[in-house]
Amino acid sequence: MRIAQIAPLQTATPPHTYGGTERVVHNLTESLVQLGHEVTLFATGDSKTSARLVPGIAEAVNFDPDIEVNAYHTAMLEEAYRHADEFDIIHSHLDYLTLPFIKTTTTPTILTLHGRSDLKEFMRVYDAYADANYVAISQSQRRAVPNLNWIATIHHGVDIKSFRYHPVAGDYLCFLGRISPDKRPERAIEIARRAGIPLKIAAKIGPQDRNYFTNVVEPLFDPPAIEFLGQVDESRKRELLGNAMALLVPIDWPEPFGMMYIEALACGTPVLTCPMGAAPELLVDGVTGFLRESVDDLVEAVRDVPHISRERCRSYAAERFDMRRMALEYIRVYSRLRDRETTKASLPLPASKGDALLSGGPSRMNHVAKPNSAKMPKMPPLEESVPGDTL
């Protein structure tokens, strides 16, 4: 199958440090290539991929607030859709920015929504395109906007075998992700202090959270008991997670997924968090760690962590969150949409549209815009790939 993957341009695919969406796109793209599909990845020029790479920008923006990244996103979408007839499926990870393009071609588009979709700022645009093909990353995310045309719920996956299993717990807790009031790092600090366990914090600080970090979180640091490491690269992140007693992320928002959960479990490290968003859907209380609502209960949960089997955490991640499983689920969705479009194209047109077609009038159903090669980097012709093992 010929598949276009469209990734954000904030970080490279995969990211060198922070960047959950780009990591998911990388895992999916590599799995699809391994399964025999011909994949074109629209991403940053400094991305690393086994697919054919079409750069939307030379280097990742890296969340620079002075760069209007959506201008680059829009231009990249225009390039991808100008070549829509070269693909069987277009899979975009750019949320609502993609929506105005989907009706310019008969090539089916699916959109995986990676963030919150229930914010009032988004409701008007999603209502206008409620019949687009949306994929949710959790049932929790899906329930928040039930009126959208959700065609599947597919949990993220990681390359489990690439994570080293750590059978022996370390002597510290780990907070991973980003510094934000939603993630409640100050609550994690309180829990660690009361439990008498050191806490290592590896997190990104965005411009919008700088004041919160300076005024609320930073004053609580007390090395080595409470240690802030900033952003860490992938290798350091995995070592940090694997050697931790537990991942401690006492969130205070409906997180639609949480890559840090499954990455910790892949290392064998239990997870301590709150039963919000997708957490109860992804984790099993008492098996993969503990889900608790209050600080008091999470302090008690820290003391119970030695009773959690690290081997079971690892096997649970392998059973539920391997990236091959994620890719196979997406292939089933791609195939269903492709077959539906093929069937639709073979049906006779209604009389009025048929008359228009016979008289030379336009037929939107059968029209695909011709690529303008002068505006897009030269790409080698695509050939139909060997089908994946589910097709």
Protein backbone atom coordinates (compact mmCIF):
# COMPACT_ATOMS: atom_id res chain seq x y z
CA MET A 1 0.00 0.00 0.00
CA ARG A 2 1.24 3.54 -0.78
CA ILE A 3 0.97 5.60 2.42
CA ALA A 4 1.76 9.25 3.16
CA GLN A 5 2.59 10.13 6.76
CA ILE A 6 2.51 13.85 7.62
CA ALA A 7 4.37 14.76 10.82
CA PRO A 8 4.66 18.01 12.79
CA LEU A 9 7.71 20.17 12.20
CA GLN A 10 8.39 21.14 15.81
CA THR A 11 10.96 18.38 16.23
CA ALA A 12 12.71 15.86 14.03
CA THR A 13 11.10 12.47 13.50
CA PRO A 14 12.11 10.85 15.80
CA PRO A 15 12.84 13.69 18.22
CA HIS A 16 16.22 14.03 19.88
CA THR A 17 14.63 15.06 23.19
CA TYR A 18 11.01 16.06 23.85
CA GLY A 19 8.38 15.27 21.21
CA GLY A 20 5.77 12.59 21.76
CA THR A 21 3.80 12.95 18.51
CA GLU A 22 6.91 12.82 16.33
CA ARG A 23 8.07 9.69 18.18
CA VAL A 24 4.74 7.99 17.51
CA VAL A 25 4.92 8.92 13.81
CA HIS A 26 8.44 7.50 13.63
CA ASN A 27 7.41 4.23 15.28
CA LEU A 28 4.43 3.88 12.96
CA THR A 29 6.40 4.75 9.83
CA GLU A 30 9.21 2.30 10.59
CA SER A 31 6.73 -0.47 11.36
CA LEU A 32 4.83 0.12 8.12
CA VAL A 33 8.05 -0.06 6.12
CA GLN A 34 9.04 -3.29 7.91
CA LEU A 35 5.64 -4.74 7.01
CA GLY A 36 6.34 -4.13 3.32
CA HIS A 37 4.44 -0.90 2.61
CA GLU A 38 5.76 2.02 0.59
CA VAL A 39 5.73 5.03 2.89
CA THR A 40 6.47 8.68 2.19
CA LEU A 41 7.17 10.76 5.28
CA PHE A 42 6.56 14.50 5.17
CA ALA A 43 8.63 15.82 8.07
CA THR A 44 11.68 17.91 8.92
CA GLY A 45 14.77 17.54 6.77
CA ASP A 46 16.82 16.36 9.76
CA SER A 47 14.50 13.40 10.39
CA LYS A 48 15.81 9.82 10.28
CA THR A 49 13.59 7.30 8.53
CA SER A 50 13.53 4.15 6.42
CA ALA A 51 10.73 5.70 4.38
CA ARG A 52 11.11 8.21 1.55
CA LEU A 53 11.54 11.60 3.20
CA VAL A 54 10.03 14.80 1.80
CA PRO A 55 11.22 17.74 3.93
CA GLY A 56 8.67 20.36 4.95
CA ILE A 57 11.49 22.45 6.41
CA ALA A 58 15.24 21.92 6.54
CA GLU A 59 15.54 21.59 10.31
CA ALA A 60 13.14 21.20 13.22
CA VAL A 61 11.65 24.38 14.67
CA ASN A 62 12.14 23.05 18.21
CA PHE A 63 9.25 25.06 19.65
CA ASP A 64 10.91 28.39 18.85
CA PRO A 65 8.22 30.96 19.78
CA ASP A 66 9.55 33.39 17.16
CA ILE A 67 8.79 30.98 14.28
CA GLU A 68 5.22 30.68 12.98
CA VAL A 69 5.39 26.95 12.45
CA ASN A 70 1.84 26.62 11.13
CA ALA A 71 2.84 28.54 8.02
CA TYR A 72 5.34 25.76 7.27
CA HIS A 73 2.74 23.13 8.16
CA THR A 74 0.26 24.61 5.71
CA ALA A 75 2.82 24.70 2.91
CA MET A 76 3.78 21.08 3.61
CA LEU A 77 0.14 20.01 3.51
CA GLU A 78 -0.30 21.75 0.17
CA GLU A 79 2.68 19.83 -1.25
CA ALA A 80 1.41 16.52 0.09
CA TYR A 81 -2.09 16.98 -1.29
CA ARG A 82 -0.80 18.14 -4.67
CA HIS A 83 0.58 14.60 -4.94
CA ALA A 84 -2.46 12.93 -3.38
CA ASP A 85 -3.11 10.67 -6.36
CA GLU A 86 0.27 8.98 -5.75
CA PHE A 87 -1.00 7.55 -2.47
CA ASP A 88 -3.64 5.07 -1.38
CA ILE A 89 -3.96 6.73 2.03
CA ILE A 90 -2.90 10.06 3.52
CA HIS A 91 -2.37 9.92 7.26
CA SER A 92 -1.96 13.33 8.86
CA HIS A 93 -0.86 14.11 12.40
CA LEU A 94 -1.45 17.87 12.09
CA ASP A 95 -4.93 17.93 13.60
CA TYR A 96 -7.36 20.55 12.29
CA LEU A 97 -4.84 22.16 9.92
CA THR A 98 -5.41 19.22 7.58
CA LEU A 99 -9.19 19.54 7.37
CA PRO A 100 -9.50 22.08 4.50
CA PHE A 101 -7.40 19.81 2.27
CA ILE A 102 -9.25 16.52 2.63
CA LYS A 103 -11.98 17.29 0.07
CA THR A 104 -9.51 18.26 -2.65
CA THR A 105 -8.91 14.60 -3.53
CA THR A 106 -10.60 11.21 -3.57
CA THR A 107 -7.58 9.72 -1.78
CA PRO A 108 -8.84 8.99 1.75
CA THR A 109 -7.35 10.94 4.65
CA ILE A 110 -7.27 9.85 8.25
CA LEU A 111 -6.38 12.21 11.07
CA THR A 112 -4.97 10.96 14.34
CA LEU A 113 -5.67 13.57 17.00
CA HIS A 114 -2.76 13.62 19.45
CA GLY A 115 -3.89 16.27 21.90
CA ARG A 116 -7.03 17.48 23.57
CA SER A 117 -9.93 17.86 21.17
CA ASP A 118 -12.54 19.17 23.60
CA LEU A 119 -11.24 22.73 24.02
CA LYS A 120 -13.71 25.42 22.97
CA GLU A 121 -11.19 26.87 20.51
CA PHE A 122 -11.34 23.66 18.50
CA MET A 123 -15.04 22.94 18.61
CA ARG A 124 -16.10 25.17 15.72
CA VAL A 125 -13.63 23.72 13.23
CA TYR A 126 -14.23 20.11 14.28
CA ASP A 127 -17.99 20.64 14.09
CA ALA A 128 -17.54 21.94 10.54
CA TYR A 129 -15.66 18.75 9.59
CA ALA A 130 -17.39 16.27 11.88
CA ASP A 131 -17.56 13.66 9.09
CA ALA A 132 -13.79 13.50 8.47
CA ASN A 133 -12.03 10.23 9.33
CA TYR A 134 -10.72 10.64 12.87
CA VAL A 135 -8.64 8.17 14.88
CA ALA A 136 -8.55 8.56 18.65
CA ILE A 137 -5.52 7.60 20.72
CA SER A 138 -7.72 6.58 23.67
CA GLN A 139 -11.36 6.02 24.51
CA SER A 140 -11.02 8.87 26.99
CA GLN A 141 -10.12 11.29 24.19
CA ARG A 142 -12.95 9.92 22.06
CA ARG A 143 -15.59 10.34 24.77
CA ALA A 144 -14.70 14.01 25.14
CA VAL A 145 -15.99 14.77 21.59
CA PRO A 146 -18.52 12.03 20.79
CA ASN A 147 -20.00 13.76 17.73
CA LEU A 148 -16.90 13.30 15.55
CA ASN A 149 -16.67 10.49 13.01
CA TRP A 150 -14.30 8.34 15.05
CA ILE A 151 -13.39 5.41 12.82
CA ALA A 152 -11.05 3.74 15.32
CA THR A 153 -9.29 4.02 18.64
CA ILE A 154 -5.64 2.97 18.37
CA HIS A 155 -3.24 3.13 21.29
CA HIS A 156 0.31 4.26 20.65
CA GLY A 157 3.16 1.78 20.47
CA VAL A 158 6.91 1.73 21.06
CA ASP A 159 9.70 -0.60 19.97
CA ILE A 160 9.61 -2.65 23.16
CA LYS A 161 12.67 -4.74 22.31
CA SER A 162 14.79 -1.58 21.99
CA PHE A 163 14.14 -0.72 25.65
CA ARG A 164 16.53 -2.46 28.03
CA TYR A 165 14.73 -4.32 30.78
CA HIS A 166 15.82 -3.32 34.30
CA PRO A 167 14.87 -6.11 36.72
CA VAL A 168 16.22 -4.33 39.80
CA ALA A 169 14.62 -1.11 41.04
CA GLY A 170 16.74 1.93 41.73
CA ASP A 171 16.56 4.15 44.80
CA TYR A 172 14.82 7.19 43.29
CA LEU A 173 11.54 8.26 41.70
CA CYS A 174 11.42 9.87 38.26
CA PHE A 175 9.24 12.65 36.87
CA LEU A 176 9.32 12.85 33.07
CA GLY A 177 7.68 15.03 30.43
CA ARG A 178 7.18 18.76 30.63
CA ILE A 179 6.95 21.33 33.39
CA SER A 180 3.31 22.36 33.44
CA PRO A 181 0.52 22.94 35.96
CA ASP A 182 -1.27 20.04 34.23
CA LYS A 183 1.55 17.65 35.10
CA ARG A 184 1.88 18.89 38.71
CA PRO A 185 5.64 18.54 39.29
CA GLU A 186 5.25 20.43 42.58
CA ARG A 187 2.88 17.68 43.73
CA ALA A 188 5.45 15.06 42.71
CA ILE A 189 8.05 16.87 44.83
CA GLU A 190 5.75 16.83 47.85
CA ILE A 191 5.01 13.13 47.42
CA ALA A 192 8.70 12.23 47.12
CA ARG A 193 9.66 14.30 50.16
CA ARG A 194 6.95 12.80 52.33
CA ALA A 195 7.85 9.29 51.19
CA GLY A 196 11.54 9.98 51.89
CA ILE A 197 12.61 8.99 48.36
CA PRO A 198 14.83 11.13 46.06
CA LEU A 199 13.17 12.53 42.91
CA LYS A 200 14.85 13.19 39.57
CA ILE A 201 12.94 15.53 37.23
CA ALA A 202 13.67 15.37 33.49
CA ALA A 203 11.38 17.80 31.74
CA LYS A 204 10.99 20.43 29.06
CA ILE A 205 10.04 24.00 30.01
CA GLY A 206 7.97 25.78 27.37
CA PRO A 207 7.84 29.60 27.15
CA GLN A 208 4.25 29.62 28.44
CA ASP A 209 5.31 27.71 31.57
CA ARG A 210 8.46 29.64 32.40
CA ASN A 211 6.83 31.79 35.11
CA TYR A 212 5.19 28.74 36.67
CA PHE A 213 8.56 26.99 36.77
CA THR A 214 10.37 30.00 38.24
CA ASN A 215 7.78 30.91 40.86
CA VAL A 216 6.28 27.55 41.85
CA VAL A 217 8.57 24.64 40.96
CA GLU A 218 12.16 25.83 41.02
CA PRO A 219 12.08 27.05 44.66
CA LEU A 220 11.28 23.47 45.72
CA PHE A 221 14.49 21.99 44.30
CA ASP A 222 16.85 20.59 46.91
CA PRO A 223 19.65 18.53 45.32
CA PRO A 224 20.31 15.67 45.60
CA ALA A 225 16.93 14.86 47.16
CA ILE A 226 15.05 16.85 44.49
CA GLU A 227 17.15 17.10 41.34
CA PHE A 228 16.21 18.91 38.10
CA LEU A 229 17.92 17.53 34.99
CA GLY A 230 16.16 19.61 32.30
CA GLN A 231 15.59 17.97 28.93
CA VAL A 232 17.48 14.74 28.33
CA ASP A 233 18.18 12.84 25.13
CA GLU A 234 16.62 9.48 24.32
CA SER A 235 19.47 7.38 25.69
CA ARG A 236 19.59 9.27 28.99
CA LYS A 237 15.80 9.17 29.28
CA ARG A 238 15.72 5.39 28.98
CA GLU A 239 18.45 4.95 31.56
CA LEU A 240 16.69 7.35 33.89
CA LEU A 241 13.37 5.51 33.53
CA GLY A 242 14.88 2.04 33.75
CA ASN A 243 16.87 2.71 36.91
CA ALA A 244 14.00 4.41 38.73
CA MET A 245 11.98 2.82 41.50
CA ALA A 246 8.88 4.20 39.75
CA LEU A 247 7.71 6.87 37.35
CA LEU A 248 5.80 9.48 39.38
CA VAL A 249 3.51 11.75 37.30
CA PRO A 250 0.58 12.99 39.43
CA ILE A 251 -1.29 14.61 36.54
CA ASP A 252 -4.15 17.05 36.97
CA TRP A 253 -5.73 17.01 33.49
CA PRO A 254 -7.40 14.54 31.11
CA GLU A 255 -4.21 13.42 29.36
CA PRO A 256 -5.33 11.77 26.08
CA PHE A 257 -2.54 9.17 26.24
CA GLY A 258 0.85 9.47 27.95
CA MET A 259 3.87 8.01 26.15
CA MET A 260 5.90 8.16 29.37
CA TYR A 261 3.64 5.47 30.86
CA ILE A 262 4.39 2.83 28.25
CA GLU A 263 8.07 3.78 27.97
CA ALA A 264 8.48 3.29 31.72
CA LEU A 265 6.67 -0.06 31.62
CA ALA A 266 8.85 -1.16 28.69
CA CYS A 267 11.84 -0.74 31.01
CA GLY A 268 10.06 -2.70 33.75
CA THR A 269 9.40 0.43 35.83
CA PRO A 270 6.01 0.80 37.57
CA VAL A 271 3.91 3.94 37.15
CA LEU A 272 2.37 6.09 39.90
CA THR A 273 -0.22 8.54 38.62
CA CYS A 274 -3.79 9.79 39.04
CA PRO A 275 -6.88 8.15 37.47
CA MET A 276 -7.45 10.91 34.93
CA GLY A 277 -7.72 10.94 31.15
CA ALA A 278 -6.45 7.76 29.53
CA ALA A 279 -4.51 6.53 32.57
CA PRO A 280 -7.19 4.05 33.81
CA GLU A 281 -7.52 2.75 30.24
CA LEU A 282 -3.79 2.16 29.79
CA LEU A 283 -2.71 1.05 33.26
CA VAL A 284 -3.87 -1.63 35.70
CA ASP A 285 -3.95 -0.62 39.35
CA GLY A 286 -1.86 -3.00 41.43
CA VAL A 287 -0.25 -4.58 38.34
CA THR A 288 1.54 -1.79 36.46
CA GLY A 289 1.80 0.48 39.51
CA PHE A 290 -0.89 2.45 41.28
CA LEU A 291 -3.62 4.91 40.31
CA ARG A 292 -4.45 7.22 43.23
CA GLU A 293 -6.28 10.54 43.48
CA SER A 294 -4.75 12.23 46.53
CA VAL A 295 -1.24 13.12 47.62
CA ASP A 296 -1.72 11.08 50.80
CA ASP A 297 -2.69 7.99 48.81
CA LEU A 298 0.22 8.41 46.39
CA VAL A 299 2.64 8.67 49.33
CA GLU A 300 1.31 5.33 50.56
CA ALA A 301 1.56 3.93 47.03
CA VAL A 302 5.27 4.79 46.89
CA ARG A 303 5.79 2.52 49.90
CA ASP A 304 3.92 -0.30 48.13
CA VAL A 305 5.96 -0.12 44.91
CA PRO A 306 8.28 -3.01 45.93
CA HIS A 307 5.26 -5.30 45.69
CA ILE A 308 4.86 -4.55 41.95
CA SER A 309 6.52 -7.07 39.61
CA ARG A 310 8.88 -5.31 37.22
CA GLU A 311 8.85 -8.38 34.99
CA ARG A 312 5.05 -8.14 34.74
CA CYS A 313 5.30 -4.43 33.87
CA ARG A 314 7.60 -5.30 30.99
CA SER A 315 5.44 -8.18 29.71
CA TYR A 316 2.30 -6.03 29.98
CA ALA A 317 3.92 -3.35 27.79
CA ALA A 318 4.97 -5.98 25.25
CA GLU A 319 1.45 -7.43 25.11
CA ARG A 320 -0.37 -4.11 24.83
CA PHE A 321 1.90 -1.45 23.40
CA ASP A 322 4.35 -2.84 20.86
CA MET A 323 4.60 -0.66 17.75
CA ARG A 324 3.97 -3.59 15.38
CA ARG A 325 0.54 -4.03 16.98
CA MET A 326 -0.12 -0.32 16.46
CA ALA A 327 0.89 -0.55 12.79
CA LEU A 328 -1.30 -3.59 12.13
CA GLU A 329 -4.30 -1.81 13.58
CA TYR A 330 -3.67 1.20 11.34
CA ILE A 331 -3.27 -1.06 8.30
CA ARG A 332 -6.74 -2.46 8.93
CA VAL A 333 -8.13 1.08 9.00
CA TYR A 334 -6.23 2.05 5.83
CA SER A 335 -7.50 -1.01 4.00
CA ARG A 336 -11.09 -0.40 5.01
CA LEU A 337 -11.01 3.21 3.82
CA ARG A 338 -9.22 2.36 0.58
CA ASP A 339 -11.71 -0.38 -0.22
CA ARG A 340 -14.63 1.89 0.62
CA GLU A 341 -13.33 4.57 -1.73
CA THR A 342 -12.76 2.01 -4.49
CA THR A 343 -16.33 0.77 -4.12
CA LYS A 344 -17.67 4.31 -4.12
CA ALA A 345 -15.77 5.15 -7.32
CA SER A 346 -17.23 2.12 -9.09
CA LEU A 347 -20.86 3.03 -8.34
CA PRO A 348 -22.88 4.74 -11.14
CA LEU A 349 -23.34 8.47 -10.72
CA PRO A 350 -26.81 9.87 -10.04
CA ALA A 351 -28.61 11.04 -13.19
CA SER A 352 -28.01 14.72 -12.64
CA LYS A 353 -24.30 14.27 -12.08
CA GLY A 354 -24.06 11.78 -14.93
CA ASP A 355 -25.70 14.25 -17.29
CA ALA A 356 -23.24 16.89 -16.20
CA LEU A 357 -20.37 14.49 -16.81
CA LEU A 358 -21.60 13.53 -20.30
CA SER A 359 -22.00 17.16 -21.21
CA GLY A 360 -18.49 18.00 -20.06
CA GLY A 361 -19.52 19.38 -16.64
CA PRO A 362 -17.28 18.88 -13.60
CA SER A 363 -17.45 15.75 -11.46
CA ARG A 364 -15.85 16.32 -8.07
CA MET A 365 -15.98 12.62 -7.30
CA ASN A 366 -13.75 11.65 -10.18
CA HIS A 367 -11.50 14.69 -10.27
CA VAL A 368 -8.01 14.62 -8.80
CA ALA A 369 -5.81 17.68 -9.10
CA LYS A 370 -2.70 17.08 -11.20
CA PRO A 371 0.60 17.49 -9.36
CA ASN A 372 2.57 20.62 -10.07
CA SER A 373 6.09 19.26 -10.16
CA ALA A 374 7.57 22.73 -10.47
CA LYS A 375 6.47 23.53 -6.93
CA MET A 376 7.39 20.27 -5.23
CA PRO A 377 10.80 18.62 -4.82
CA LYS A 378 11.32 15.95 -7.47
CA MET A 379 10.29 12.57 -6.12
CA PRO A 380 10.94 9.18 -7.76
CA PRO A 381 7.80 7.44 -9.05
CA LEU A 382 6.03 5.24 -6.55
CA GLU A 383 5.49 1.55 -7.19
CA GLU A 384 2.82 -0.57 -5.54
CA SER A 385 4.41 -2.20 -2.51
CA VAL A 386 4.17 -5.80 -1.39
CA PRO A 387 1.13 -5.94 0.90
CA GLY A 388 1.61 -6.24 4.65
CA ASP A 389 0.89 -9.52 6.33
CA THR A 390 -2.64 -8.55 7.36
CA LEU A 391 -3.85 -7.77 3.83
